ModelCIF file with pLDDT and N, C-alpha, C, O atoms, coordinates in Angstrom:
data_MODEL
#
_entry.id   MODEL 
#
_entity.id                         1 
_entity.type                       polymer 
_entity.pdbx_number_of_molecules   1 
#
_entity_poly.entity_id                      1 
_entity_poly.type                           'polypeptide(L)' 
_entity_poly.nstd_linkage                   no 
_entity_poly.nstd_monomer                   no 
_entity_poly.pdbx_seq_one_letter_code       VRFIELMPIGYGREFEAVYNEELLEKLQALCPDLEPDERVHGNGP 
_entity_poly.pdbx_seq_one_letter_code_can   VRFIELMPIGYGREFEAVYNEELLEKLQALCPDLEPDERVHGNGP 
_entity_poly.pdbx_strand_id                 A 
#
loop_
_entity_poly_seq.entity_id 
_entity_poly_seq.num 
_entity_poly_seq.mon_id 
_entity_poly_seq.hetero 
1 1  VAL n 
1 2  ARG n 
1 3  PHE n 
1 4  ILE n 
1 5  GLU n 
1 6  LEU n 
1 7  MET n 
1 8  PRO n 
1 9  ILE n 
1 10 GLY n 
1 11 TYR n 
1 12 GLY n 
1 13 ARG n 
1 14 GLU n 
1 15 PHE n 
1 16 GLU n 
1 17 ALA n 
1 18 VAL n 
1 19 TYR n 
1 20 ASN n 
1 21 GLU n 
1 22 GLU n 
1 23 LEU n 
1 24 LEU n 
1 25 GLU n 
1 26 LYS n 
1 27 LEU n 
1 28 GLN n 
1 29 ALA n 
1 30 LEU n 
1 31 CYS n 
1 32 PRO n 
1 33 ASP n 
1 34 LEU n 
1 35 GLU n 
1 36 PRO n 
1 37 ASP n 
1 38 GLU n 
1 39 ARG n 
1 40 VAL n 
1 41 HIS n 
1 42 GLY n 
1 43 ASN n 
1 44 GLY n 
1 45 PRO n 
#
_struct_asym.id          A 
_struct_asym.entity_id   1 
#
loop_
_ma_qa_metric.id 
_ma_qa_metric.mode 
_ma_qa_metric.name 
_ma_qa_metric.software_group_id 
_ma_qa_metric.type 
1 global pLDDT . pLDDT 
2 local  pLDDT . pLDDT 
#
_ma_qa_metric_global.metric_id      1 
_ma_qa_metric_global.metric_value   83.04 
_ma_qa_metric_global.model_id       1 
_ma_qa_metric_global.ordinal_id     1 
#
loop_
_ma_qa_metric_local.label_asym_id 
_ma_qa_metric_local.label_comp_id 
_ma_qa_metric_local.label_seq_id 
_ma_qa_metric_local.metric_id 
_ma_qa_metric_local.metric_value 
_ma_qa_metric_local.model_id 
_ma_qa_metric_local.ordinal_id 
A VAL 1  2 97.00 1 1  
A ARG 2  2 96.00 1 2  
A PHE 3  2 95.00 1 3  
A ILE 4  2 91.00 1 4  
A GLU 5  2 86.00 1 5  
A LEU 6  2 82.00 1 6  
A MET 7  2 69.00 1 7  
A PRO 8  2 62.00 1 8  
A ILE 9  2 60.00 1 9  
A GLY 10 2 58.00 1 10 
A TYR 11 2 53.00 1 11 
A GLY 12 2 53.00 1 12 
A ARG 13 2 59.00 1 13 
A GLU 14 2 61.00 1 14 
A PHE 15 2 65.00 1 15 
A GLU 16 2 74.00 1 16 
A ALA 17 2 76.00 1 17 
A VAL 18 2 85.00 1 18 
A TYR 19 2 86.00 1 19 
A ASN 20 2 91.00 1 20 
A GLU 21 2 91.00 1 21 
A GLU 22 2 92.00 1 22 
A LEU 23 2 93.00 1 23 
A LEU 24 2 94.00 1 24 
A GLU 25 2 94.00 1 25 
A LYS 26 2 94.00 1 26 
A LEU 27 2 95.00 1 27 
A GLN 28 2 95.00 1 28 
A ALA 29 2 95.00 1 29 
A LEU 30 2 92.00 1 30 
A CYS 31 2 92.00 1 31 
A PRO 32 2 94.00 1 32 
A ASP 33 2 94.00 1 33 
A LEU 34 2 95.00 1 34 
A GLU 35 2 95.00 1 35 
A PRO 36 2 94.00 1 36 
A ASP 37 2 93.00 1 37 
A GLU 38 2 87.00 1 38 
A ARG 39 2 86.00 1 39 
A VAL 40 2 80.00 1 40 
A HIS 41 2 84.00 1 41 
A GLY 42 2 79.00 1 42 
A ASN 43 2 77.00 1 43 
A GLY 44 2 75.00 1 44 
A PRO 45 2 78.00 1 45 
#
loop_
_atom_site.group_PDB 
_atom_site.id 
_atom_site.type_symbol 
_atom_site.label_atom_id 
_atom_site.label_alt_id 
_atom_site.label_comp_id 
_atom_site.label_asym_id 
_atom_site.label_entity_id 
_atom_site.label_seq_id 
_atom_site.pdbx_PDB_ins_code 
_atom_site.Cartn_x 
_atom_site.Cartn_y 
_atom_site.Cartn_z 
_atom_site.occupancy 
_atom_site.B_iso_or_equiv 
_atom_site.pdbx_formal_charge 
_atom_site.auth_seq_id 
_atom_site.auth_comp_id 
_atom_site.auth_asym_id 
_atom_site.auth_atom_id 
_atom_site.pdbx_PDB_model_num 
ATOM 1   N N  . VAL A 1 1  ? 111.908 -125.370 -19.292 1.00 97.00 ? 1  VAL A N  1 
ATOM 2   C CA . VAL A 1 1  ? 112.760 -126.426 -19.838 1.00 97.00 ? 1  VAL A CA 1 
ATOM 3   C C  . VAL A 1 1  ? 112.927 -127.482 -18.757 1.00 97.00 ? 1  VAL A C  1 
ATOM 4   O O  . VAL A 1 1  ? 113.460 -127.194 -17.686 1.00 97.00 ? 1  VAL A O  1 
ATOM 5   N N  . ARG A 1 2  ? 112.471 -128.719 -19.033 1.00 96.00 ? 2  ARG A N  1 
ATOM 6   C CA . ARG A 1 2  ? 112.512 -129.785 -18.041 1.00 96.00 ? 2  ARG A CA 1 
ATOM 7   C C  . ARG A 1 2  ? 113.455 -130.890 -18.515 1.00 96.00 ? 2  ARG A C  1 
ATOM 8   O O  . ARG A 1 2  ? 113.379 -131.351 -19.654 1.00 96.00 ? 2  ARG A O  1 
ATOM 9   N N  . PHE A 1 3  ? 114.340 -131.298 -17.618 1.00 95.00 ? 3  PHE A N  1 
ATOM 10  C CA . PHE A 1 3  ? 115.262 -132.393 -17.905 1.00 95.00 ? 3  PHE A CA 1 
ATOM 11  C C  . PHE A 1 3  ? 114.699 -133.672 -17.295 1.00 95.00 ? 3  PHE A C  1 
ATOM 12  O O  . PHE A 1 3  ? 114.512 -133.769 -16.082 1.00 95.00 ? 3  PHE A O  1 
ATOM 13  N N  . ILE A 1 4  ? 114.434 -134.648 -18.154 1.00 91.00 ? 4  ILE A N  1 
ATOM 14  C CA . ILE A 1 4  ? 113.795 -135.897 -17.750 1.00 91.00 ? 4  ILE A CA 1 
ATOM 15  C C  . ILE A 1 4  ? 114.817 -137.017 -17.792 1.00 91.00 ? 4  ILE A C  1 
ATOM 16  O O  . ILE A 1 4  ? 115.422 -137.273 -18.834 1.00 91.00 ? 4  ILE A O  1 
ATOM 17  N N  . GLU A 1 5  ? 115.009 -137.681 -16.673 1.00 86.00 ? 5  GLU A N  1 
ATOM 18  C CA . GLU A 1 5  ? 115.946 -138.803 -16.647 1.00 86.00 ? 5  GLU A CA 1 
ATOM 19  C C  . GLU A 1 5  ? 115.435 -139.940 -17.526 1.00 86.00 ? 5  GLU A C  1 
ATOM 20  O O  . GLU A 1 5  ? 114.277 -140.346 -17.428 1.00 86.00 ? 5  GLU A O  1 
ATOM 21  N N  . LEU A 1 6  ? 116.304 -140.440 -18.375 1.00 82.00 ? 6  LEU A N  1 
ATOM 22  C CA . LEU A 1 6  ? 115.956 -141.557 -19.243 1.00 82.00 ? 6  LEU A CA 1 
ATOM 23  C C  . LEU A 1 6  ? 115.629 -142.784 -18.398 1.00 82.00 ? 6  LEU A C  1 
ATOM 24  O O  . LEU A 1 6  ? 116.428 -143.210 -17.565 1.00 82.00 ? 6  LEU A O  1 
ATOM 25  N N  . MET A 1 7  ? 114.437 -143.346 -18.628 1.00 69.00 ? 7  MET A N  1 
ATOM 26  C CA . MET A 1 7  ? 114.000 -144.494 -17.838 1.00 69.00 ? 7  MET A CA 1 
ATOM 27  C C  . MET A 1 7  ? 114.333 -145.803 -18.546 1.00 69.00 ? 7  MET A C  1 
ATOM 28  O O  . MET A 1 7  ? 114.350 -145.846 -19.776 1.00 69.00 ? 7  MET A O  1 
ATOM 29  N N  . PRO A 1 8  ? 114.594 -146.860 -17.801 1.00 62.00 ? 8  PRO A N  1 
ATOM 30  C CA . PRO A 1 8  ? 114.962 -148.151 -18.388 1.00 62.00 ? 8  PRO A CA 1 
ATOM 31  C C  . PRO A 1 8  ? 113.742 -148.930 -18.871 1.00 62.00 ? 8  PRO A C  1 
ATOM 32  O O  . PRO A 1 8  ? 113.461 -150.032 -18.399 1.00 62.00 ? 8  PRO A O  1 
ATOM 33  N N  . ILE A 1 9  ? 113.023 -148.331 -19.822 1.00 60.00 ? 9  ILE A N  1 
ATOM 34  C CA . ILE A 1 9  ? 111.843 -148.959 -20.402 1.00 60.00 ? 9  ILE A CA 1 
ATOM 35  C C  . ILE A 1 9  ? 112.083 -149.117 -21.899 1.00 60.00 ? 9  ILE A C  1 
ATOM 36  O O  . ILE A 1 9  ? 112.538 -148.177 -22.550 1.00 60.00 ? 9  ILE A O  1 
ATOM 37  N N  . GLY A 1 10 ? 111.788 -150.282 -22.450 1.00 58.00 ? 10 GLY A N  1 
ATOM 38  C CA . GLY A 1 10 ? 111.963 -150.507 -23.874 1.00 58.00 ? 10 GLY A CA 1 
ATOM 39  C C  . GLY A 1 10 ? 113.389 -150.257 -24.308 1.00 58.00 ? 10 GLY A C  1 
ATOM 40  O O  . GLY A 1 10 ? 114.331 -150.756 -23.692 1.00 58.00 ? 10 GLY A O  1 
ATOM 41  N N  . TYR A 1 11 ? 113.551 -149.481 -25.377 1.00 53.00 ? 11 TYR A N  1 
ATOM 42  C CA . TYR A 1 11 ? 114.883 -149.200 -25.917 1.00 53.00 ? 11 TYR A CA 1 
ATOM 43  C C  . TYR A 1 11 ? 115.706 -148.307 -24.991 1.00 53.00 ? 11 TYR A C  1 
ATOM 44  O O  . TYR A 1 11 ? 116.923 -148.208 -25.149 1.00 53.00 ? 11 TYR A O  1 
ATOM 45  N N  . GLY A 1 12 ? 115.053 -147.658 -24.027 1.00 53.00 ? 12 GLY A N  1 
ATOM 46  C CA . GLY A 1 12 ? 115.776 -146.811 -23.082 1.00 53.00 ? 12 GLY A CA 1 
ATOM 47  C C  . GLY A 1 12 ? 116.777 -147.573 -22.240 1.00 53.00 ? 12 GLY A C  1 
ATOM 48  O O  . GLY A 1 12 ? 117.700 -146.981 -21.680 1.00 53.00 ? 12 GLY A O  1 
ATOM 49  N N  . ARG A 1 13 ? 116.602 -148.894 -22.144 1.00 59.00 ? 13 ARG A N  1 
ATOM 50  C CA . ARG A 1 13 ? 117.547 -149.716 -21.387 1.00 59.00 ? 13 ARG A CA 1 
ATOM 51  C C  . ARG A 1 13 ? 118.937 -149.738 -22.029 1.00 59.00 ? 13 ARG A C  1 
ATOM 52  O O  . ARG A 1 13 ? 119.925 -150.045 -21.363 1.00 59.00 ? 13 ARG A O  1 
ATOM 53  N N  . GLU A 1 14 ? 119.009 -149.417 -23.297 1.00 61.00 ? 14 GLU A N  1 
ATOM 54  C CA . GLU A 1 14 ? 120.253 -149.585 -24.050 1.00 61.00 ? 14 GLU A CA 1 
ATOM 55  C C  . GLU A 1 14 ? 121.177 -148.373 -23.977 1.00 61.00 ? 14 GLU A C  1 
ATOM 56  O O  . GLU A 1 14 ? 122.299 -148.434 -24.480 1.00 61.00 ? 14 GLU A O  1 
ATOM 57  N N  . PHE A 1 15 ? 120.735 -147.272 -23.364 1.00 65.00 ? 15 PHE A N  1 
ATOM 58  C CA . PHE A 1 15 ? 121.514 -146.045 -23.376 1.00 65.00 ? 15 PHE A CA 1 
ATOM 59  C C  . PHE A 1 15 ? 121.820 -145.567 -21.963 1.00 65.00 ? 15 PHE A C  1 
ATOM 60  O O  . PHE A 1 15 ? 121.092 -145.874 -21.019 1.00 65.00 ? 15 PHE A O  1 
ATOM 61  N N  . GLU A 1 16 ? 122.894 -144.820 -21.834 1.00 74.00 ? 16 GLU A N  1 
ATOM 62  C CA . GLU A 1 16 ? 123.334 -144.350 -20.526 1.00 74.00 ? 16 GLU A CA 1 
ATOM 63  C C  . GLU A 1 16 ? 122.782 -142.958 -20.252 1.00 74.00 ? 16 GLU A C  1 
ATOM 64  O O  . GLU A 1 16 ? 123.053 -142.007 -20.985 1.00 74.00 ? 16 GLU A O  1 
ATOM 65  N N  . ALA A 1 17 ? 122.020 -142.864 -19.202 1.00 76.00 ? 17 ALA A N  1 
ATOM 66  C CA . ALA A 1 17 ? 121.338 -141.615 -18.870 1.00 76.00 ? 17 ALA A CA 1 
ATOM 67  C C  . ALA A 1 17 ? 122.276 -140.644 -18.147 1.00 76.00 ? 17 ALA A C  1 
ATOM 68  O O  . ALA A 1 17 ? 123.313 -141.031 -17.607 1.00 76.00 ? 17 ALA A O  1 
ATOM 69  N N  . VAL A 1 18 ? 121.877 -139.389 -18.156 1.00 85.00 ? 18 VAL A N  1 
ATOM 70  C CA . VAL A 1 18 ? 122.484 -138.355 -17.314 1.00 85.00 ? 18 VAL A CA 1 
ATOM 71  C C  . VAL A 1 18 ? 121.501 -138.093 -16.188 1.00 85.00 ? 18 VAL A C  1 
ATOM 72  O O  . VAL A 1 18 ? 120.338 -137.783 -16.443 1.00 85.00 ? 18 VAL A O  1 
ATOM 73  N N  . TYR A 1 19 ? 121.950 -138.213 -14.944 1.00 86.00 ? 19 TYR A N  1 
ATOM 74  C CA . TYR A 1 19 ? 121.030 -138.088 -13.816 1.00 86.00 ? 19 TYR A CA 1 
ATOM 75  C C  . TYR A 1 19 ? 120.951 -136.654 -13.323 1.00 86.00 ? 19 TYR A C  1 
ATOM 76  O O  . TYR A 1 19 ? 121.933 -135.912 -13.367 1.00 86.00 ? 19 TYR A O  1 
ATOM 77  N N  . ASN A 1 20 ? 119.782 -136.278 -12.860 1.00 91.00 ? 20 ASN A N  1 
ATOM 78  C CA . ASN A 1 20 ? 119.502 -134.882 -12.560 1.00 91.00 ? 20 ASN A CA 1 
ATOM 79  C C  . ASN A 1 20 ? 120.244 -134.356 -11.344 1.00 91.00 ? 20 ASN A C  1 
ATOM 80  O O  . ASN A 1 20 ? 120.511 -133.157 -11.269 1.00 91.00 ? 20 ASN A O  1 
ATOM 81  N N  . GLU A 1 21 ? 120.584 -135.206 -10.395 1.00 91.00 ? 21 GLU A N  1 
ATOM 82  C CA . GLU A 1 21 ? 121.341 -134.706 -9.245  1.00 91.00 ? 21 GLU A CA 1 
ATOM 83  C C  . GLU A 1 21 ? 122.708 -134.198 -9.700  1.00 91.00 ? 21 GLU A C  1 
ATOM 84  O O  . GLU A 1 21 ? 123.210 -133.203 -9.177  1.00 91.00 ? 21 GLU A O  1 
ATOM 85  N N  . GLU A 1 22 ? 123.303 -134.877 -10.668 1.00 92.00 ? 22 GLU A N  1 
ATOM 86  C CA . GLU A 1 22 ? 124.577 -134.426 -11.240 1.00 92.00 ? 22 GLU A CA 1 
ATOM 87  C C  . GLU A 1 22 ? 124.388 -133.139 -12.034 1.00 92.00 ? 22 GLU A C  1 
ATOM 88  O O  . GLU A 1 22 ? 125.207 -132.223 -11.952 1.00 92.00 ? 22 GLU A O  1 
ATOM 89  N N  . LEU A 1 23 ? 123.304 -133.076 -12.801 1.00 93.00 ? 23 LEU A N  1 
ATOM 90  C CA . LEU A 1 23 ? 123.037 -131.899 -13.618 1.00 93.00 ? 23 LEU A CA 1 
ATOM 91  C C  . LEU A 1 23 ? 122.755 -130.679 -12.750 1.00 93.00 ? 23 LEU A C  1 
ATOM 92  O O  . LEU A 1 23 ? 123.211 -129.578 -13.059 1.00 93.00 ? 23 LEU A O  1 
ATOM 93  N N  . LEU A 1 24 ? 122.004 -130.867 -11.665 1.00 94.00 ? 24 LEU A N  1 
ATOM 94  C CA . LEU A 1 24 ? 121.691 -129.752 -10.783 1.00 94.00 ? 24 LEU A CA 1 
ATOM 95  C C  . LEU A 1 24 ? 122.950 -129.201 -10.132 1.00 94.00 ? 24 LEU A C  1 
ATOM 96  O O  . LEU A 1 24 ? 123.083 -127.987 -9.974  1.00 94.00 ? 24 LEU A O  1 
ATOM 97  N N  . GLU A 1 25 ? 123.873 -130.072 -9.752  1.00 94.00 ? 25 GLU A N  1 
ATOM 98  C CA . GLU A 1 25 ? 125.141 -129.616 -9.185  1.00 94.00 ? 25 GLU A CA 1 
ATOM 99  C C  . GLU A 1 25 ? 125.899 -128.738 -10.177 1.00 94.00 ? 25 GLU A C  1 
ATOM 100 O O  . GLU A 1 25 ? 126.448 -127.703 -9.800  1.00 94.00 ? 25 GLU A O  1 
ATOM 101 N N  . LYS A 1 26 ? 125.927 -129.144 -11.420 1.00 94.00 ? 26 LYS A N  1 
ATOM 102 C CA . LYS A 1 26 ? 126.607 -128.349 -12.451 1.00 94.00 ? 26 LYS A CA 1 
ATOM 103 C C  . LYS A 1 26 ? 125.913 -127.013 -12.655 1.00 94.00 ? 26 LYS A C  1 
ATOM 104 O O  . LYS A 1 26 ? 126.564 -125.981 -12.811 1.00 94.00 ? 26 LYS A O  1 
ATOM 105 N N  . LEU A 1 27 ? 124.586 -127.041 -12.654 1.00 95.00 ? 27 LEU A N  1 
ATOM 106 C CA . LEU A 1 27 ? 123.822 -125.814 -12.849 1.00 95.00 ? 27 LEU A CA 1 
ATOM 107 C C  . LEU A 1 27 ? 124.045 -124.843 -11.695 1.00 95.00 ? 27 LEU A C  1 
ATOM 108 O O  . LEU A 1 27 ? 124.200 -123.642 -11.918 1.00 95.00 ? 27 LEU A O  1 
ATOM 109 N N  . GLN A 1 28 ? 124.063 -125.349 -10.464 1.00 95.00 ? 28 GLN A N  1 
ATOM 110 C CA . GLN A 1 28 ? 124.271 -124.490 -9.304  1.00 95.00 ? 28 GLN A CA 1 
ATOM 111 C C  . GLN A 1 28 ? 125.684 -123.926 -9.273  1.00 95.00 ? 28 GLN A C  1 
ATOM 112 O O  . GLN A 1 28 ? 125.895 -122.800 -8.822  1.00 95.00 ? 28 GLN A O  1 
ATOM 113 N N  . ALA A 1 29 ? 126.650 -124.701 -9.751  1.00 95.00 ? 29 ALA A N  1 
ATOM 114 C CA . ALA A 1 29 ? 128.026 -124.205 -9.820  1.00 95.00 ? 29 ALA A CA 1 
ATOM 115 C C  . ALA A 1 29 ? 128.145 -123.098 -10.857 1.00 95.00 ? 29 ALA A C  1 
ATOM 116 O O  . ALA A 1 29 ? 128.858 -122.117 -10.643 1.00 95.00 ? 29 ALA A O  1 
ATOM 117 N N  . LEU A 1 30 ? 127.444 -123.250 -11.990 1.00 92.00 ? 30 LEU A N  1 
ATOM 118 C CA . LEU A 1 30 ? 127.480 -122.243 -13.044 1.00 92.00 ? 30 LEU A CA 1 
ATOM 119 C C  . LEU A 1 30 ? 126.667 -121.015 -12.669 1.00 92.00 ? 30 LEU A C  1 
ATOM 120 O O  . LEU A 1 30 ? 127.041 -119.889 -12.996 1.00 92.00 ? 30 LEU A O  1 
ATOM 121 N N  . CYS A 1 31 ? 125.537 -121.243 -11.973 1.00 92.00 ? 31 CYS A N  1 
ATOM 122 C CA . CYS A 1 31 ? 124.607 -120.157 -11.636 1.00 92.00 ? 31 CYS A CA 1 
ATOM 123 C C  . CYS A 1 31 ? 124.322 -120.188 -10.134 1.00 92.00 ? 31 CYS A C  1 
ATOM 124 O O  . CYS A 1 31 ? 123.268 -120.673 -9.724  1.00 92.00 ? 31 CYS A O  1 
ATOM 125 N N  . PRO A 1 32 ? 125.233 -119.684 -9.311  1.00 94.00 ? 32 PRO A N  1 
ATOM 126 C CA . PRO A 1 32 ? 125.038 -119.740 -7.858  1.00 94.00 ? 32 PRO A CA 1 
ATOM 127 C C  . PRO A 1 32 ? 123.830 -118.951 -7.367  1.00 94.00 ? 32 PRO A C  1 
ATOM 128 O O  . PRO A 1 32 ? 123.392 -119.136 -6.232  1.00 94.00 ? 32 PRO A O  1 
ATOM 129 N N  . ASP A 1 33 ? 123.291 -118.080 -8.201  1.00 94.00 ? 33 ASP A N  1 
ATOM 130 C CA . ASP A 1 33 ? 122.104 -117.306 -7.811  1.00 94.00 ? 33 ASP A CA 1 
ATOM 131 C C  . ASP A 1 33 ? 120.807 -117.993 -8.234  1.00 94.00 ? 33 ASP A C  1 
ATOM 132 O O  . ASP A 1 33 ? 119.743 -117.375 -8.218  1.00 94.00 ? 33 ASP A O  1 
ATOM 133 N N  . LEU A 1 34 ? 120.893 -119.259 -8.610  1.00 95.00 ? 34 LEU A N  1 
ATOM 134 C CA . LEU A 1 34 ? 119.708 -120.036 -8.966  1.00 95.00 ? 34 LEU A CA 1 
ATOM 135 C C  . LEU A 1 34 ? 118.739 -120.078 -7.789  1.00 95.00 ? 34 LEU A C  1 
ATOM 136 O O  . LEU A 1 34 ? 119.146 -120.287 -6.646  1.00 95.00 ? 34 LEU A O  1 
ATOM 137 N N  . GLU A 1 35 ? 117.455 -119.879 -8.077  1.00 95.00 ? 35 GLU A N  1 
ATOM 138 C CA . GLU A 1 35 ? 116.453 -119.809 -7.019  1.00 95.00 ? 35 GLU A CA 1 
ATOM 139 C C  . GLU A 1 35 ? 115.425 -120.930 -7.168  1.00 95.00 ? 35 GLU A C  1 
ATOM 140 O O  . GLU A 1 35 ? 115.003 -121.223 -8.287  1.00 95.00 ? 35 GLU A O  1 
ATOM 141 N N  . PRO A 1 36 ? 115.008 -121.569 -6.058  1.00 94.00 ? 36 PRO A N  1 
ATOM 142 C CA . PRO A 1 36 ? 113.898 -122.525 -6.138  1.00 94.00 ? 36 PRO A CA 1 
ATOM 143 C C  . PRO A 1 36 ? 112.632 -121.811 -6.605  1.00 94.00 ? 36 PRO A C  1 
ATOM 144 O O  . PRO A 1 36 ? 112.370 -120.675 -6.211  1.00 94.00 ? 36 PRO A O  1 
ATOM 145 N N  . ASP A 1 37 ? 111.858 -122.481 -7.441  1.00 93.00 ? 37 ASP A N  1 
ATOM 146 C CA . ASP A 1 37 ? 110.600 -121.937 -7.943  1.00 93.00 ? 37 ASP A CA 1 
ATOM 147 C C  . ASP A 1 37 ? 109.487 -122.877 -7.498  1.00 93.00 ? 37 ASP A C  1 
ATOM 148 O O  . ASP A 1 37 ? 109.316 -123.953 -8.072  1.00 93.00 ? 37 ASP A O  1 
ATOM 149 N N  . GLU A 1 38 ? 108.741 -122.485 -6.493  1.00 87.00 ? 38 GLU A N  1 
ATOM 150 C CA . GLU A 1 38 ? 107.743 -123.354 -5.892  1.00 87.00 ? 38 GLU A CA 1 
ATOM 151 C C  . GLU A 1 38 ? 106.338 -123.125 -6.440  1.00 87.00 ? 38 GLU A C  1 
ATOM 152 O O  . GLU A 1 38 ? 105.366 -123.653 -5.901  1.00 87.00 ? 38 GLU A O  1 
ATOM 153 N N  . ARG A 1 39 ? 106.230 -122.344 -7.502  1.00 86.00 ? 39 ARG A N  1 
ATOM 154 C CA . ARG A 1 39 ? 104.922 -122.147 -8.118  1.00 86.00 ? 39 ARG A CA 1 
ATOM 155 C C  . ARG A 1 39 ? 104.468 -123.443 -8.785  1.00 86.00 ? 39 ARG A C  1 
ATOM 156 O O  . ARG A 1 39 ? 105.286 -124.283 -9.159  1.00 86.00 ? 39 ARG A O  1 
ATOM 157 N N  . VAL A 1 40 ? 103.141 -123.593 -8.930  1.00 80.00 ? 40 VAL A N  1 
ATOM 158 C CA . VAL A 1 40 ? 102.584 -124.747 -9.625  1.00 80.00 ? 40 VAL A CA 1 
ATOM 159 C C  . VAL A 1 40 ? 102.745 -124.536 -11.123 1.00 80.00 ? 40 VAL A C  1 
ATOM 160 O O  . VAL A 1 40 ? 102.298 -123.527 -11.669 1.00 80.00 ? 40 VAL A O  1 
ATOM 161 N N  . HIS A 1 41 ? 103.388 -125.500 -11.784 1.00 84.00 ? 41 HIS A N  1 
ATOM 162 C CA . HIS A 1 41 ? 103.652 -125.385 -13.218 1.00 84.00 ? 41 HIS A CA 1 
ATOM 163 C C  . HIS A 1 41 ? 102.823 -126.348 -14.052 1.00 84.00 ? 41 HIS A C  1 
ATOM 164 O O  . HIS A 1 41 ? 102.912 -126.325 -15.280 1.00 84.00 ? 41 HIS A O  1 
ATOM 165 N N  . GLY A 1 42 ? 102.033 -127.180 -13.429 1.00 79.00 ? 42 GLY A N  1 
ATOM 166 C CA . GLY A 1 42 ? 101.245 -128.151 -14.184 1.00 79.00 ? 42 GLY A CA 1 
ATOM 167 C C  . GLY A 1 42 ? 100.921 -129.358 -13.326 1.00 79.00 ? 42 GLY A C  1 
ATOM 168 O O  . GLY A 1 42 ? 100.797 -129.257 -12.106 1.00 79.00 ? 42 GLY A O  1 
ATOM 169 N N  . ASN A 1 43 ? 100.785 -130.510 -13.986 1.00 77.00 ? 43 ASN A N  1 
ATOM 170 C CA . ASN A 1 43 ? 100.344 -131.719 -13.299 1.00 77.00 ? 43 ASN A CA 1 
ATOM 171 C C  . ASN A 1 43 ? 101.480 -132.688 -13.001 1.00 77.00 ? 43 ASN A C  1 
ATOM 172 O O  . ASN A 1 43 ? 101.278 -133.686 -12.309 1.00 77.00 ? 43 ASN A O  1 
ATOM 173 N N  . GLY A 1 44 ? 102.657 -132.405 -13.510 1.00 75.00 ? 44 GLY A N  1 
ATOM 174 C CA . GLY A 1 44 ? 103.758 -133.353 -13.404 1.00 75.00 ? 44 GLY A CA 1 
ATOM 175 C C  . GLY A 1 44 ? 104.550 -133.225 -12.114 1.00 75.00 ? 44 GLY A C  1 
ATOM 176 O O  . GLY A 1 44 ? 104.262 -132.376 -11.270 1.00 75.00 ? 44 GLY A O  1 
ATOM 177 N N  . PRO A 1 45 ? 105.564 -134.095 -11.977 1.00 78.00 ? 45 PRO A N  1 
ATOM 178 C CA . PRO A 1 45 ? 106.340 -134.167 -10.742 1.00 78.00 ? 45 PRO A CA 1 
ATOM 179 C C  . PRO A 1 45 ? 107.627 -133.352 -10.762 1.00 78.00 ? 45 PRO A C  1 
ATOM 180 O O  . PRO A 1 45 ? 108.363 -133.336 -9.776  1.00 78.00 ? 45 PRO A O  1 
#
């Protein structure tokens, strides 16, 4: 499950995004045992 920040392209300029640094903080607070996963999952960033 990948969370993609809404980019200001086309109609995306009209909506307020949720940024991943904020989301990651919430996730780490909820799940303190969260582990980095450094395996290759595909071609994306």
